[in-house]
Amino acid sequence: MNTTSQALLQSFIDGPLLIGDLPEAPTFPHQQLALPLNSPELNTKQKLGHLCEDAFALLIASTTKYELLEQNLQLQKDVHTTVGELDFLLREQASGQLIHLELATKFYLSVESEDDLKLPGPDPRDNFFNKLEHLRGHQLVLPTKFPSALPEVYRKEPIQTQQLMYGCLFDHVTSQQPASAPFINPLCRRGRWLGIEECEAHFPPHTQFQRIPKYLWPASLSELKEEDLEPWTPQCAVDRCIMVRIIHEPMPYFITPSNWPIRYSKQDARNHSMNRSRDC
């Protein structure tokens, strides 16, 4: 197994969760899983959500505790109407219990103001509070809200819903205390963030940075020791949030474009990139 696949798979076993139990669904006992002896190389060129689902499916397929019945199961009220999708449908082998499992890997940056706390993602169209509302109000209740949309073979069995949300919460480098929000795991992964224009004032001149590719965002820094990460400097252009590792620091950093979280237009991003060195 290559080091990238191993780092991703291990993160789903050992990684702390971003949120804990919810009233609608407890967390799935992910620490019961183990690395497969052999596994195919993961496709790191796909979207991060799909990559994480593929990695988690490998862990489920390699255990004797669960049987993977369905992945990305679409629920349809009729031939024209899809009401939602179940990430996974599993069977616990010891009890025979059907388990609907929702999986997510998310990264949120704490933006504080006098009035409230905002937790946007690297793409500001995503944010923690909207994701939590959608998870609780729609994704986790699909089997109970639309039982007739399930494949007929599963309709007569009780289904238990569980969830796993991995990820990392990033506080601004000037924050005095870690941000918190409903259901956030107090032991979740933590990082720091700052704007590209703040780097020169915040970091010593000879700070060594390494850019973490998006497919490795879920992995902890300790799992990246053997990864050959590319160097990065604050003189490089950034037209989107990037995650970096700083040598000898225990947590990752997000570096944001200068006008984040206001979303760039394509022309704004192009103009911003032209104003900075491309020798990165």
Foldseek 3Di string as FASTA:
>chain_A
DDLLLVLLLVLQQPADFQFAQDPLAGADNSVVWDDAPDDDDFDLPDDLFVSSLVSVVNRQVRDPQKDWDDAQAWFAPDPVGTQGTFGTWMAGVVVRAIEGEAEEEFEWEWDDDPPDIWTAGLQRVRTDVVVVCCCVVGHSCVCVVCVVRDPPVPSVHDYHYHYTYAYEYEYEPPDPDDDDDPRGDPPHHYHYEDELVCDPVPDPPPWWKFWDDPNNRSGFPVSCPPPDTHTDDSLAQDLTWTWIDIPPDRHIYIYGYPPPPPHDDPVRSVVRRVVGDHPD
